[in-house]
Amino acid sequence: MKKKKREFQSSELVKSFARIYGFEHKLVAFEIKDFLEEYLDESLFNEINSVNIEDKCIIIKINSPLLKNDFKMRRSFYLKKFQAQFGEDKFNDLQIL
């Protein structure tokens, strides 16, 4: 069963509200999490605790030590994938916790 996409993200009203109140990065973090949900197997995706963005750095918290290690080993691959998908100017680092 496929979950319904977050429709509120595409809303121009929500985007302008986010711009005014300074939480645009949170909308992008939701988009990254949606991207990971499509990209990863469901059991692997369930190991991802949270996705946040602070100072142009994507911070992904992962419960599973194996998945955490995989992300750390392929850190530059994922960073390039996110930059290609969401814009190179939005992020310059990826941290796995």
Protein backbone atom coordinates (compact mmCIF):
# COMPACT_ATOMS: atom_id res chain seq x y z
CA MET A 1 0.00 0.00 0.00
CA LYS A 2 1.51 3.32 -1.11
CA LYS A 3 1.08 6.29 1.20
CA LYS A 4 -0.42 9.45 -0.20
CA LYS A 5 2.10 12.17 -1.04
CA ARG A 6 2.26 15.23 1.14
CA GLU A 7 0.15 17.57 -0.95
CA PHE A 8 0.70 20.55 1.33
CA GLN A 9 4.30 20.81 0.14
CA SER A 10 3.36 21.85 -3.38
CA SER A 11 1.00 24.54 -2.15
CA GLU A 12 2.26 28.04 -2.97
CA LEU A 13 0.52 29.38 0.12
CA VAL A 14 2.44 26.99 2.37
CA LYS A 15 5.71 27.82 0.60
CA SER A 16 5.24 31.56 1.06
CA PHE A 17 4.19 31.06 4.68
CA ALA A 18 7.36 28.98 5.21
CA ARG A 19 9.47 31.69 3.59
CA ILE A 20 7.95 34.40 5.79
CA TYR A 21 8.38 32.45 9.03
CA GLY A 22 11.72 30.88 8.13
CA PHE A 23 11.01 27.17 8.06
CA GLU A 24 11.56 26.47 4.36
CA HIS A 25 14.31 24.04 5.33
CA LYS A 26 11.76 21.88 7.15
CA LEU A 27 9.71 21.49 3.95
CA VAL A 28 12.86 20.42 2.10
CA ALA A 29 13.64 17.95 4.92
CA PHE A 30 10.16 16.42 4.39
CA GLU A 31 10.89 16.17 0.66
CA ILE A 32 14.21 14.42 1.38
CA LYS A 33 12.44 11.97 3.67
CA ASP A 34 9.85 11.28 0.94
CA PHE A 35 12.69 10.75 -1.54
CA LEU A 36 14.36 8.26 0.82
CA GLU A 37 11.06 6.44 1.31
CA GLU A 38 10.85 5.85 -2.44
CA TYR A 39 14.55 5.09 -2.82
CA LEU A 40 15.00 2.65 0.08
CA ASP A 41 13.34 -0.64 0.92
CA GLU A 42 10.51 -0.20 3.47
CA SER A 43 12.36 -2.02 6.27
CA LEU A 44 15.44 0.19 5.72
CA PHE A 45 13.36 3.36 5.53
CA ASN A 46 11.74 2.48 8.88
CA GLU A 47 15.22 2.67 10.47
CA ILE A 48 15.46 6.39 9.63
CA ASN A 49 14.53 8.32 12.74
CA SER A 50 14.57 11.88 11.41
CA VAL A 51 15.78 14.18 8.64
CA ASN A 52 16.65 17.80 9.39
CA ILE A 53 18.57 20.63 7.75
CA GLU A 54 20.77 23.02 9.74
CA ASP A 55 23.17 25.55 8.16
CA LYS A 56 23.05 23.88 4.72
CA CYS A 57 23.84 20.50 6.32
CA ILE A 58 21.44 17.56 5.99
CA ILE A 59 21.30 15.63 9.26
CA ILE A 60 19.88 12.11 9.07
CA LYS A 61 19.38 10.17 12.30
CA ILE A 62 19.35 6.40 11.78
CA ASN A 63 18.58 3.69 14.34
CA SER A 64 20.22 0.72 12.60
CA PRO A 65 24.04 0.52 12.96
CA LEU A 66 24.27 -1.31 9.60
CA LEU A 67 22.26 1.27 7.68
CA LYS A 68 24.10 4.07 9.48
CA ASN A 69 27.42 2.59 8.34
CA ASP A 70 26.14 2.20 4.76
CA PHE A 71 25.09 5.86 4.68
CA LYS A 72 28.45 6.96 6.09
CA MET A 73 30.35 4.93 3.49
CA ARG A 74 28.19 6.32 0.65
CA ARG A 75 27.90 9.82 2.14
CA SER A 76 29.15 11.67 -0.97
CA PHE A 77 26.86 9.57 -3.20
CA TYR A 78 23.78 10.55 -1.16
CA LEU A 79 24.86 14.19 -0.89
CA LYS A 80 25.25 14.42 -4.69
CA LYS A 81 21.87 12.70 -5.15
CA PHE A 82 20.16 15.23 -2.83
CA GLN A 83 21.93 18.16 -4.50
CA ALA A 84 20.85 16.93 -7.93
CA GLN A 85 17.26 16.43 -6.77
CA PHE A 86 16.79 19.60 -4.67
CA GLY A 87 19.48 22.05 -5.84
CA GLU A 88 23.23 22.20 -5.30
CA ASP A 89 23.02 25.55 -3.52
CA LYS A 90 20.76 24.19 -0.74
CA PHE A 91 23.23 21.80 0.92
CA ASN A 92 26.98 21.48 1.24
CA ASP A 93 27.25 18.65 3.79
CA LEU A 94 25.56 15.46 4.96
CA GLN A 95 25.82 14.20 8.52
CA ILE A 96 24.73 10.73 9.64
CA LEU A 97 23.92 10.30 13.34
